[in-house]
PDB file of N, CA and C in Angstrom:
ATOM      1  N   UNK A   1      16.715  13.908  16.502  1.00  0.00           N
ATOM      2  CA  UNK A   1      15.475  13.204  16.264  1.00  0.00           C
ATOM      3  C   UNK A   1      15.261  12.098  17.289  1.00  0.00           C
ATOM      4  N   UNK A   2      16.320  11.542  17.837  1.00  0.00           N
ATOM      5  CA  UNK A   2      16.187  10.432  18.789  1.00  0.00           C
ATOM      6  C   UNK A   2      15.372  10.830  20.015  1.00  0.00           C
ATOM      7  N   UNK A   3      15.428  12.083  20.410  1.00  0.00           N
ATOM      8  CA  UNK A   3      14.669  12.492  21.594  1.00  0.00           C
ATOM      9  C   UNK A   3      13.164  12.514  21.340  1.00  0.00           C
ATOM     10  N   UNK A   4      12.763  12.471  20.076  1.00  0.00           N
ATOM     11  CA  UNK A   4      11.348  12.448  19.721  1.00  0.00           C
ATOM     12  C   UNK A   4      10.819  11.033  19.517  1.00  0.00           C
ATOM     13  N   UNK A   5      11.691  10.025  19.703  1.00  0.00           N
ATOM     14  CA  UNK A   5      11.282   8.625  19.627  1.00  0.00           C
ATOM     15  C   UNK A   5      11.049   8.163  21.053  1.00  0.00           C
ATOM     16  N   UNK A   6       9.819   7.743  21.331  1.00  0.00           N
ATOM     17  CA  UNK A   6       9.429   7.364  22.689  1.00  0.00           C
ATOM     18  C   UNK A   6       8.995   5.908  22.693  1.00  0.00           C
ATOM     19  N   UNK A   7       9.539   5.132  23.608  1.00  0.00           N
ATOM     20  CA  UNK A   7       9.165   3.717  23.711  1.00  0.00           C
ATOM     21  C   UNK A   7       7.926   3.586  24.583  1.00  0.00           C
ATOM     22  N   UNK A   8       6.926   2.885  24.046  1.00  0.00           N
ATOM     23  CA  UNK A   8       5.686   2.588  24.764  1.00  0.00           C
ATOM     24  C   UNK A   8       5.476   1.076  24.613  1.00  0.00           C
ATOM     25  N   UNK A   9       5.889   0.310  25.601  1.00  0.00           N
ATOM     26  CA  UNK A   9       5.881  -1.147  25.472  1.00  0.00           C
ATOM     27  C   UNK A   9       4.485  -1.728  25.274  1.00  0.00           C
ATOM     28  N   UNK A  10       3.459  -1.021  25.692  1.00  0.00           N
ATOM     29  CA  UNK A  10       2.090  -1.519  25.546  1.00  0.00           C
ATOM     30  C   UNK A  10       1.445  -1.115  24.220  1.00  0.00           C
ATOM     31  N   UNK A  11       2.198  -0.445  23.341  1.00  0.00           N
ATOM     32  CA  UNK A  11       1.681  -0.009  22.048  1.00  0.00           C
ATOM     33  C   UNK A  11       1.330  -1.236  21.209  1.00  0.00           C
ATOM     34  N   UNK A  12       0.191  -1.206  20.534  1.00  0.00           N
ATOM     35  CA  UNK A  12      -0.228  -2.328  19.693  1.00  0.00           C
ATOM     36  C   UNK A  12       0.661  -2.507  18.471  1.00  0.00           C
ATOM     37  N   UNK A  13       0.735  -1.499  17.577  1.00  0.00           N
ATOM     38  CA  UNK A  13       1.608  -1.629  16.404  1.00  0.00           C
ATOM     39  C   UNK A  13       3.070  -1.422  16.788  1.00  0.00           C
ATOM     40  N   UNK A  14       3.964  -1.777  15.881  1.00  0.00           N
ATOM     41  CA  UNK A  14       5.398  -1.593  16.143  1.00  0.00           C
ATOM     42  C   UNK A  14       5.760  -0.120  16.264  1.00  0.00           C
ATOM     43  N   UNK A  15       5.041   0.751  15.540  1.00  0.00           N
ATOM     44  CA  UNK A  15       5.329   2.172  15.586  1.00  0.00           C
ATOM     45  C   UNK A  15       4.106   2.992  15.239  1.00  0.00           C
ATOM     46  N   UNK A  16       4.138   4.257  15.664  1.00  0.00           N
ATOM     47  CA  UNK A  16       3.038   5.177  15.390  1.00  0.00           C
ATOM     48  C   UNK A  16       3.589   6.600  15.432  1.00  0.00           C
ATOM     49  N   UNK A  17       3.176   7.401  14.457  1.00  0.00           N
ATOM     50  CA  UNK A  17       3.598   8.795  14.402  1.00  0.00           C
ATOM     51  C   UNK A  17       2.491   9.673  14.967  1.00  0.00           C
ATOM     52  N   UNK A  18       2.796  10.378  16.021  1.00  0.00           N
ATOM     53  CA  UNK A  18       1.895  11.369  16.616  1.00  0.00           C
ATOM     54  C   UNK A  18       2.699  12.659  16.704  1.00  0.00           C
ATOM     55  N   UNK A  19       2.557  13.492  15.721  1.00  0.00           N
ATOM     56  CA  UNK A  19       3.394  14.681  15.565  1.00  0.00           C
ATOM     57  C   UNK A  19       3.603  15.416  16.883  1.00  0.00           C
ATOM     58  N   UNK A  20       4.840  15.694  17.243  1.00  0.00           N
ATOM     59  CA  UNK A  20       6.106  15.474  16.556  1.00  0.00           C
ATOM     60  C   UNK A  20       6.838  14.215  17.023  1.00  0.00           C
ATOM     61  N   UNK A  21       6.134  13.292  17.633  1.00  0.00           N
ATOM     62  CA  UNK A  21       6.755  12.114  18.228  1.00  0.00           C
ATOM     63  C   UNK A  21       6.561  10.869  17.384  1.00  0.00           C
ATOM     64  N   UNK A  22       7.497   9.945  17.542  1.00  0.00           N
ATOM     65  CA  UNK A  22       7.346   8.598  17.011  1.00  0.00           C
ATOM     66  C   UNK A  22       7.299   7.681  18.223  1.00  0.00           C
ATOM     67  N   UNK A  23       6.205   6.972  18.366  1.00  0.00           N
ATOM     68  CA  UNK A  23       6.054   6.009  19.444  1.00  0.00           C
ATOM     69  C   UNK A  23       6.430   4.637  18.902  1.00  0.00           C
ATOM     70  N   UNK A  24       7.224   3.896  19.661  1.00  0.00           N
ATOM     71  CA  UNK A  24       7.650   2.563  19.242  1.00  0.00           C
ATOM     72  C   UNK A  24       7.400   1.575  20.368  1.00  0.00           C
ATOM     73  N   UNK A  25       7.124   0.332  19.994  1.00  0.00           N
ATOM     74  CA  UNK A  25       6.833  -0.702  20.986  1.00  0.00           C
ATOM     75  C   UNK A  25       8.112  -1.347  21.521  1.00  0.00           C
ATOM     76  N   UNK A  26       9.062  -1.608  20.656  1.00  0.00           N
ATOM     77  CA  UNK A  26      10.281  -2.322  21.045  1.00  0.00           C
ATOM     78  C   UNK A  26      11.454  -1.367  21.196  1.00  0.00           C
ATOM     79  N   UNK A  27      12.412  -1.718  22.059  1.00  0.00           N
ATOM     80  CA  UNK A  27      13.623  -0.894  22.147  1.00  0.00           C
ATOM     81  C   UNK A  27      14.432  -1.032  20.848  1.00  0.00           C
ATOM     82  N   UNK A  28      15.186  -0.048  20.514  1.00  0.00           N
ATOM     83  CA  UNK A  28      16.051  -0.053  19.331  1.00  0.00           C
ATOM     84  C   UNK A  28      15.295  -0.343  18.038  1.00  0.00           C
ATOM     85  N   UNK A  29      14.341   0.501  17.678  1.00  0.00           N
ATOM     86  CA  UNK A  29      13.606   0.280  16.431  1.00  0.00           C
ATOM     87  C   UNK A  29      14.541   0.397  15.225  1.00  0.00           C
ATOM     88  N   UNK A  30      14.238  -0.339  14.198  1.00  0.00           N
ATOM     89  CA  UNK A  30      15.067  -0.329  12.996  1.00  0.00           C
ATOM     90  C   UNK A  30      14.896   0.933  12.173  1.00  0.00           C
ATOM     91  N   UNK A  31      15.836   1.146  11.293  1.00  0.00           N
ATOM     92  CA  UNK A  31      15.834   2.339  10.446  1.00  0.00           C
ATOM     93  C   UNK A  31      14.630   2.371   9.509  1.00  0.00           C
ATOM     94  N   UNK A  32      14.191   1.206   9.034  1.00  0.00           N
ATOM     95  CA  UNK A  32      13.049   1.159   8.115  1.00  0.00           C
ATOM     96  C   UNK A  32      11.778   1.580   8.837  1.00  0.00           C
ATOM     97  N   UNK A  33      11.556   1.073  10.041  1.00  0.00           N
ATOM     98  CA  UNK A  33      10.378   1.463  10.823  1.00  0.00           C
ATOM     99  C   UNK A  33      10.398   2.971  11.106  1.00  0.00           C
ATOM    100  N   UNK A  34      11.537   3.476  11.523  1.00  0.00           N
ATOM    101  CA  UNK A  34      11.636   4.910  11.806  1.00  0.00           C
ATOM    102  C   UNK A  34      11.400   5.740  10.551  1.00  0.00           C
ATOM    103  N   UNK A  35      11.906   5.278   9.408  1.00  0.00           N
ATOM    104  CA  UNK A  35      11.684   6.012   8.161  1.00  0.00           C
ATOM    105  C   UNK A  35      10.202   5.999   7.793  1.00  0.00           C
ATOM    106  N   UNK A  36       9.539   4.865   7.966  1.00  0.00           N
ATOM    107  CA  UNK A  36       8.100   4.766   7.706  1.00  0.00           C
ATOM    108  C   UNK A  36       7.345   5.808   8.540  1.00  0.00           C
ATOM    109  N   UNK A  37       7.668   5.880   9.813  1.00  0.00           N
ATOM    110  CA  UNK A  37       6.974   6.822  10.697  1.00  0.00           C
ATOM    111  C   UNK A  37       7.354   8.274  10.392  1.00  0.00           C
ATOM    112  N   UNK A  38       8.582   8.509   9.965  1.00  0.00           N
ATOM    113  CA  UNK A  38       8.981   9.872   9.578  1.00  0.00           C
ATOM    114  C   UNK A  38       8.228  10.339   8.333  1.00  0.00           C
ATOM    115  N   UNK A  39       7.931   9.403   7.440  1.00  0.00           N
ATOM    116  CA  UNK A  39       7.112   9.755   6.273  1.00  0.00           C
ATOM    117  C   UNK A  39       5.744  10.232   6.758  1.00  0.00           C
ATOM    118  N   UNK A  40       5.179   9.534   7.750  1.00  0.00           N
ATOM    119  CA  UNK A  40       3.897   9.976   8.307  1.00  0.00           C
ATOM    120  C   UNK A  40       4.020  11.349   8.978  1.00  0.00           C
ATOM    121  N   UNK A  41       5.117  11.607   9.647  1.00  0.00           N
ATOM    122  CA  UNK A  41       5.300  12.933  10.251  1.00  0.00           C
ATOM    123  C   UNK A  41       5.305  14.021   9.179  1.00  0.00           C
ATOM    124  N   UNK A  42       5.945  13.741   8.048  1.00  0.00           N
ATOM    125  CA  UNK A  42       5.967  14.718   6.955  1.00  0.00           C
ATOM    126  C   UNK A  42       4.554  14.939   6.416  1.00  0.00           C
ATOM    127  N   UNK A  43       3.796  13.856   6.272  1.00  0.00           N
ATOM    128  CA  UNK A  43       2.408  13.968   5.811  1.00  0.00           C
ATOM    129  C   UNK A  43       1.598  14.827   6.779  1.00  0.00           C
ATOM    130  N   UNK A  44       1.791  14.600   8.061  1.00  0.00           N
ATOM    131  CA  UNK A  44       1.067  15.356   9.088  1.00  0.00           C
ATOM    132  C   UNK A  44       1.441  16.830   9.038  1.00  0.00           C
ATOM    133  N   UNK A  45       2.710  17.119   8.832  1.00  0.00           N
ATOM    134  CA  UNK A  45       3.160  18.513   8.745  1.00  0.00           C
ATOM    135  C   UNK A  45       2.561  19.202   7.518  1.00  0.00           C
ATOM    136  N   UNK A  46       2.442  18.487   6.401  1.00  0.00           N
ATOM    137  CA  UNK A  46       1.887  19.071   5.177  1.00  0.00           C
ATOM    138  C   UNK A  46       0.399  19.381   5.302  1.00  0.00           C
ATOM    139  N   UNK A  47      -0.352  18.446   5.839  1.00  0.00           N
ATOM    140  CA  UNK A  47      -1.807  18.599   5.903  1.00  0.00           C
ATOM    141  C   UNK A  47      -2.274  19.351   7.140  1.00  0.00           C
ATOM    142  N   UNK A  48      -1.439  19.404   8.132  1.00  0.00           N
ATOM    143  CA  UNK A  48      -1.869  19.869   9.435  1.00  0.00           C
ATOM    144  C   UNK A  48      -2.329  18.632  10.205  1.00  0.00           C
ATOM    145  N   UNK A  49      -2.059  18.617  11.455  1.00  0.00           N
ATOM    146  CA  UNK A  49      -2.287  17.422  12.251  1.00  0.00           C
ATOM    147  C   UNK A  49      -3.759  17.012  12.269  1.00  0.00           C
ATOM    148  N   UNK A  50      -4.635  17.947  12.516  1.00  0.00           N
ATOM    149  CA  UNK A  50      -6.059  17.616  12.615  1.00  0.00           C
ATOM    150  C   UNK A  50      -6.611  17.095  11.285  1.00  0.00           C
ATOM    151  N   UNK A  51      -6.307  17.787  10.181  1.00  0.00           N
ATOM    152  CA  UNK A  51      -6.791  17.341   8.884  1.00  0.00           C
ATOM    153  C   UNK A  51      -6.226  15.964   8.532  1.00  0.00           C
ATOM    154  N   UNK A  52      -4.955  15.731   8.851  1.00  0.00           N
ATOM    155  CA  UNK A  52      -4.353  14.421   8.588  1.00  0.00           C
ATOM    156  C   UNK A  52      -5.154  13.318   9.260  1.00  0.00           C
ATOM    157  N   UNK A  53      -5.442  13.485  10.542  1.00  0.00           N
ATOM    158  CA  UNK A  53      -6.140  12.423  11.273  1.00  0.00           C
ATOM    159  C   UNK A  53      -7.586  12.262  10.820  1.00  0.00           C
ATOM    160  N   UNK A  54      -8.250  13.353  10.483  1.00  0.00           N
ATOM    161  CA  UNK A  54      -9.622  13.234   9.955  1.00  0.00           C
ATOM    162  C   UNK A  54      -9.582  12.487   8.628  1.00  0.00           C
ATOM    163  N   UNK A  55      -8.687  12.888   7.737  1.00  0.00           N
ATOM    164  CA  UNK A  55      -8.558  12.252   6.430  1.00  0.00           C
ATOM    165  C   UNK A  55      -8.229  10.771   6.608  1.00  0.00           C
ATOM    166  N   UNK A  56      -7.282  10.466   7.492  1.00  0.00           N
ATOM    167  CA  UNK A  56      -6.849   9.082   7.723  1.00  0.00           C
ATOM    168  C   UNK A  56      -8.034   8.208   8.136  1.00  0.00           C
ATOM    169  N   UNK A  57      -8.814   8.677   9.100  1.00  0.00           N
ATOM    170  CA  UNK A  57      -9.955   7.903   9.607  1.00  0.00           C
ATOM    171  C   UNK A  57     -11.037   7.757   8.542  1.00  0.00           C
ATOM    172  N   UNK A  58     -11.354   8.840   7.852  1.00  0.00           N
ATOM    173  CA  UNK A  58     -12.386   8.771   6.803  1.00  0.00           C
ATOM    174  C   UNK A  58     -11.940   7.814   5.692  1.00  0.00           C
ATOM    175  N   UNK A  59     -10.694   7.947   5.274  1.00  0.00           N
ATOM    176  CA  UNK A  59     -10.211   7.059   4.211  1.00  0.00           C
ATOM    177  C   UNK A  59     -10.204   5.605   4.683  1.00  0.00           C
ATOM    178  N   UNK A  60      -9.847   5.362   5.929  1.00  0.00           N
ATOM    179  CA  UNK A  60      -9.899   3.992   6.452  1.00  0.00           C
ATOM    180  C   UNK A  60     -11.310   3.420   6.330  1.00  0.00           C
ATOM    181  N   UNK A  61     -12.319   4.178   6.739  1.00  0.00           N
ATOM    182  CA  UNK A  61     -13.692   3.675   6.673  1.00  0.00           C
ATOM    183  C   UNK A  61     -14.152   3.442   5.229  1.00  0.00           C
ATOM    184  N   UNK A  62     -13.764   4.309   4.326  1.00  0.00           N
ATOM    185  CA  UNK A  62     -14.097   4.105   2.911  1.00  0.00           C
ATOM    186  C   UNK A  62     -13.429   2.822   2.405  1.00  0.00           C
ATOM    187  N   UNK A  63     -12.141   2.649   2.731  1.00  0.00           N
ATOM    188  CA  UNK A  63     -11.418   1.441   2.311  1.00  0.00           C
ATOM    189  C   UNK A  63     -11.989   0.195   2.993  1.00  0.00           C
ATOM    190  N   UNK A  64     -12.423   0.335   4.218  1.00  0.00           N
ATOM    191  CA  UNK A  64     -12.997  -0.811   4.942  1.00  0.00           C
ATOM    192  C   UNK A  64     -14.294  -1.271   4.272  1.00  0.00           C
ATOM    193  N   UNK A  65     -15.104  -0.323   3.822  1.00  0.00           N
ATOM    194  CA  UNK A  65     -16.317  -0.682   3.084  1.00  0.00           C
ATOM    195  C   UNK A  65     -15.966  -1.404   1.782  1.00  0.00           C
ATOM    196  N   UNK A  66     -14.924  -0.939   1.132  1.00  0.00           N
ATOM    197  CA  UNK A  66     -14.512  -1.529  -0.139  1.00  0.00           C
ATOM    198  C   UNK A  66     -13.904  -2.923   0.044  1.00  0.00           C
ATOM    199  N   UNK A  67     -12.935  -3.049   0.950  1.00  0.00           N
ATOM    200  CA  UNK A  67     -12.192  -4.300   1.112  1.00  0.00           C
ATOM    201  C   UNK A  67     -12.822  -5.274   2.114  1.00  0.00           C
ATOM    202  N   UNK A  68     -13.668  -4.755   2.993  1.00  0.00           N
ATOM    203  CA  UNK A  68     -14.368  -5.562   4.000  1.00  0.00           C
ATOM    204  C   UNK A  68     -13.437  -6.318   4.957  1.00  0.00           C
ATOM    205  N   UNK A  69     -12.240  -5.798   5.118  1.00  0.00           N
ATOM    206  CA  UNK A  69     -11.280  -6.454   6.006  1.00  0.00           C
ATOM    207  C   UNK A  69     -10.315  -5.387   6.534  1.00  0.00           C
ATOM    208  N   UNK A  70     -10.036  -5.428   7.821  1.00  0.00           N
ATOM    209  CA  UNK A  70      -9.243  -4.378   8.460  1.00  0.00           C
ATOM    210  C   UNK A  70      -7.869  -4.207   7.825  1.00  0.00           C
ATOM    211  N   UNK A  71      -7.110  -5.291   7.709  1.00  0.00           N
ATOM    212  CA  UNK A  71      -5.727  -5.160   7.259  1.00  0.00           C
ATOM    213  C   UNK A  71      -5.641  -4.629   5.830  1.00  0.00           C
ATOM    214  N   UNK A  72      -6.491  -5.128   4.940  1.00  0.00           N
ATOM    215  CA  UNK A  72      -6.498  -4.633   3.559  1.00  0.00           C
ATOM    216  C   UNK A  72      -6.895  -3.158   3.509  1.00  0.00           C
ATOM    217  N   UNK A  73      -7.860  -2.773   4.326  1.00  0.00           N
ATOM    218  CA  UNK A  73      -8.269  -1.369   4.376  1.00  0.00           C
ATOM    219  C   UNK A  73      -7.112  -0.500   4.858  1.00  0.00           C
ATOM    220  N   UNK A  74      -6.460  -0.918   5.925  1.00  0.00           N
ATOM    221  CA  UNK A  74      -5.322  -0.181   6.487  1.00  0.00           C
ATOM    222  C   UNK A  74      -4.195  -0.041   5.470  1.00  0.00           C
ATOM    223  N   UNK A  75      -3.834  -1.141   4.810  1.00  0.00           N
ATOM    224  CA  UNK A  75      -2.717  -1.118   3.862  1.00  0.00           C
ATOM    225  C   UNK A  75      -3.019  -0.266   2.629  1.00  0.00           C
ATOM    226  N   UNK A  76      -4.285  -0.002   2.344  1.00  0.00           N
ATOM    227  CA  UNK A  76      -4.661   0.767   1.163  1.00  0.00           C
ATOM    228  C   UNK A  76      -4.973   2.226   1.443  1.00  0.00           C
ATOM    229  N   UNK A  77      -4.816   2.670   2.683  1.00  0.00           N
ATOM    230  CA  UNK A  77      -4.915   4.102   2.976  1.00  0.00           C
ATOM    231  C   UNK A  77      -3.753   4.784   2.244  1.00  0.00           C
ATOM    232  N   UNK A  78      -4.020   5.860   1.557  1.00  0.00           N
ATOM    233  CA  UNK A  78      -2.993   6.513   0.741  1.00  0.00           C
ATOM    234  C   UNK A  78      -1.730   6.846   1.539  1.00  0.00           C
ATOM    235  N   UNK A  79      -1.886   7.292   2.761  1.00  0.00           N
ATOM    236  CA  UNK A  79      -0.721   7.630   3.595  1.00  0.00           C
ATOM    237  C   UNK A  79       0.126   6.392   3.878  1.00  0.00           C
ATOM    238  N   UNK A  80      -0.537   5.278   4.141  1.00  0.00           N
ATOM    239  CA  UNK A  80       0.182   4.029   4.412  1.00  0.00           C
ATOM    240  C   UNK A  80       0.833   3.494   3.152  1.00  0.00           C
ATOM    241  N   UNK A  81       0.150   3.619   2.032  1.00  0.00           N
ATOM    242  CA  UNK A  81       0.707   3.117   0.778  1.00  0.00           C
ATOM    243  C   UNK A  81       1.996   3.852   0.433  1.00  0.00           C
ATOM    244  N   UNK A  82       1.986   5.178   0.622  1.00  0.00           N
ATOM    245  CA  UNK A  82       3.223   5.930   0.368  1.00  0.00           C
ATOM    246  C   UNK A  82       4.315   5.490   1.330  1.00  0.00           C
ATOM    247  N   UNK A  83       3.976   5.371   2.600  1.00  0.00           N
ATOM    248  CA  UNK A  83       4.981   5.016   3.601  1.00  0.00           C
ATOM    249  C   UNK A  83       5.540   3.611   3.370  1.00  0.00           C
ATOM    250  N   UNK A  84       4.682   2.643   3.117  1.00  0.00           N
ATOM    251  CA  UNK A  84       5.162   1.276   2.868  1.00  0.00           C
ATOM    252  C   UNK A  84       5.981   1.196   1.580  1.00  0.00           C
ATOM    253  N   UNK A  85       5.570   1.908   0.554  1.00  0.00           N
ATOM    254  CA  UNK A  85       6.289   1.864  -0.726  1.00  0.00           C
ATOM    255  C   UNK A  85       7.692   2.450  -0.628  1.00  0.00           C
ATOM    256  N   UNK A  86       7.913   3.344   0.322  1.00  0.00           N
ATOM    257  CA  UNK A  86       9.186   4.074   0.388  1.00  0.00           C
ATOM    258  C   UNK A  86       9.959   3.889   1.683  1.00  0.00           C
ATOM    259  N   UNK A  87       9.476   3.054   2.578  1.00  0.00           N
ATOM    260  CA  UNK A  87      10.109   2.929   3.891  1.00  0.00           C
ATOM    261  C   UNK A  87      11.554   2.423   3.826  1.00  0.00           C
ATOM    262  N   UNK A  88      11.877   1.586   2.879  1.00  0.00           N
ATOM    263  CA  UNK A  88      13.239   1.054   2.781  1.00  0.00           C
ATOM    264  C   UNK A  88      14.209   2.028   2.121  1.00  0.00           C
ATOM    265  N   UNK A  89      13.689   3.054   1.477  1.00  0.00           N
ATOM    266  CA  UNK A  89      14.515   4.079   0.842  1.00  0.00           C
ATOM    267  C   UNK A  89      14.807   5.149   1.892  1.00  0.00           C
ATOM    268  N   UNK A  90      15.937   5.020   2.567  1.00  0.00           N
ATOM    269  CA  UNK A  90      16.248   5.895   3.690  1.00  0.00           C
ATOM    270  C   UNK A  90      16.572   7.325   3.280  1.00  0.00           C
ATOM    271  N   UNK A  91      16.679   7.589   1.971  1.00  0.00           N
ATOM    272  CA  UNK A  91      16.890   8.966   1.496  1.00  0.00           C
ATOM    273  C   UNK A  91      15.614   9.544   0.881  1.00  0.00           C
ATOM    274  N   UNK A  92      14.527   8.825   0.953  1.00  0.00           N
ATOM    275  CA  UNK A  92      13.272   9.245   0.323  1.00  0.00           C
ATOM    276  C   UNK A  92      12.847  10.650   0.749  1.00  0.00           C
ATOM    277  N   UNK A  93      12.906  10.940   2.021  1.00  0.00           N
ATOM    278  CA  UNK A  93      12.420  12.244   2.502  1.00  0.00           C
ATOM    279  C   UNK A  93      13.256  13.417   2.013  1.00  0.00           C
ATOM    280  N   UNK A  94      14.481  13.160   1.599  1.00  0.00           N
ATOM    281  CA  UNK A  94      15.315  14.258   1.095  1.00  0.00           C
ATOM    282  C   UNK A  94      14.872  14.740  -0.279  1.00  0.00           C
ATOM    283  N   UNK A  95      14.159  13.865  -1.023  1.00  0.00           N
ATOM    284  CA  UNK A  95      13.713  14.261  -2.368  1.00  0.00           C
ATOM    285  C   UNK A  95      12.205  14.148  -2.547  1.00  0.00           C
ATOM    286  N   UNK A  96      11.483  13.859  -1.493  1.00  0.00           N
ATOM    287  CA  UNK A  96      10.031  13.688  -1.557  1.00  0.00           C
ATOM    288  C   UNK A  96       9.370  15.017  -1.926  1.00  0.00           C
ATOM    289  N   UNK A  97       8.424  14.954  -2.867  1.00  0.00           N
ATOM    290  CA  UNK A  97       7.709  16.162  -3.259  1.00  0.00           C
ATOM    291  C   UNK A  97       6.538  16.424  -2.309  1.00  0.00           C
ATOM    292  N   UNK A  98       6.049  17.642  -2.338  1.00  0.00           N
ATOM    293  CA  UNK A  98       4.931  18.053  -1.497  1.00  0.00           C
ATOM    294  C   UNK A  98       3.695  17.251  -1.865  1.00  0.00           C
ATOM    295  N   UNK A  99       2.959  16.771  -0.897  1.00  0.00           N
ATOM    296  CA  UNK A  99       1.748  15.955  -1.064  1.00  0.00           C
ATOM    297  C   UNK A  99       2.013  14.720  -1.921  1.00  0.00           C
ATOM    298  N   UNK A 100       3.132  14.065  -1.682  1.00  0.00           N
ATOM    299  CA  UNK A 100       3.517  12.891  -2.471  1.00  0.00           C
ATOM    300  C   UNK A 100       2.570  11.716  -2.261  1.00  0.00           C
ATOM    301  N   UNK A 101       1.742  11.771  -1.243  1.00  0.00           N
ATOM    302  CA  UNK A 101       0.771  10.703  -1.017  1.00  0.00           C
ATOM    303  C   UNK A 101      -0.369  10.750  -2.035  1.00  0.00           C
ATOM    304  N   UNK A 102      -0.581  11.895  -2.680  1.00  0.00           N
ATOM    305  CA  UNK A 102      -1.731  12.123  -3.548  1.00  0.00           C
ATOM    306  C   UNK A 102      -1.909  11.042  -4.637  1.00  0.00           C
ATOM    307  N   UNK A 103      -0.852  10.675  -5.374  1.00  0.00           N
ATOM    308  CA  UNK A 103      -1.039   9.644  -6.416  1.00  0.00           C
ATOM    309  C   UNK A 103      -1.499   8.297  -5.845  1.00  0.00           C
ATOM    310  N   UNK A 104      -1.226   8.040  -4.590  1.00  0.00           N
ATOM    311  CA  UNK A 104      -1.608   6.772  -3.976  1.00  0.00           C
ATOM    312  C   UNK A 104      -3.105   6.686  -3.703  1.00  0.00           C
ATOM    313  N   UNK A 105      -3.811   7.794  -3.807  1.00  0.00           N
ATOM    314  CA  UNK A 105      -5.266   7.762  -3.675  1.00  0.00           C
ATOM    315  C   UNK A 105      -5.917   7.041  -4.853  1.00  0.00           C
ATOM    316  N   UNK A 106      -5.285   7.137  -6.015  1.00  0.00           N
ATOM    317  CA  UNK A 106      -5.902   6.683  -7.256  1.00  0.00           C
ATOM    318  C   UNK A 106      -5.640   5.234  -7.614  1.00  0.00           C
ATOM    319  N   UNK A 107      -4.688   4.606  -6.974  1.00  0.00           N
ATOM    320  CA  UNK A 107      -4.376   3.226  -7.286  1.00  0.00           C
ATOM    321  C   UNK A 107      -4.549   2.380  -6.043  1.00  0.00           C
ATOM    322  N   UNK A 108      -4.607   1.094  -6.218  1.00  0.00           N
ATOM    323  CA  UNK A 108      -4.772   0.205  -5.061  1.00  0.00           C
ATOM    324  C   UNK A 108      -3.813  -0.967  -5.186  1.00  0.00           C
ATOM    325  N   UNK A 109      -3.687  -1.726  -4.114  1.00  0.00           N
ATOM    326  CA  UNK A 109      -2.775  -2.876  -4.101  1.00  0.00           C
ATOM    327  C   UNK A 109      -3.482  -4.161  -4.497  1.00  0.00           C
ATOM    328  N   UNK A 110      -4.714  -4.061  -4.977  1.00  0.00           N
ATOM    329  CA  UNK A 110      -5.470  -5.259  -5.403  1.00  0.00           C
ATOM    330  C   UNK A 110      -4.764  -5.950  -6.549  1.00  0.00           C
TER     331      UNK A 110
END
């Protein structure tokens, strides 16, 4: 998996999953960041890459209308909510169910 982690020093966020790669801003990313991005890779594999990105962008805009603020909208995207909720559980992907992001559509962090 290490060969699929690519350092991009000019990257805005600390990490980003672009199937099948994980882009990171800093050298030696932590296990929690890598696990967060691996959760996104699993989501992308389940939905298909194109559908994942369309869904992600559409959901962001819906959340942005609701929360009226970028960070709150971003944190409430179902894919992000699943990833943030489970990023510290380094064994999460071994027992994660198919479409595990789905329940996160129905609740919010408000």
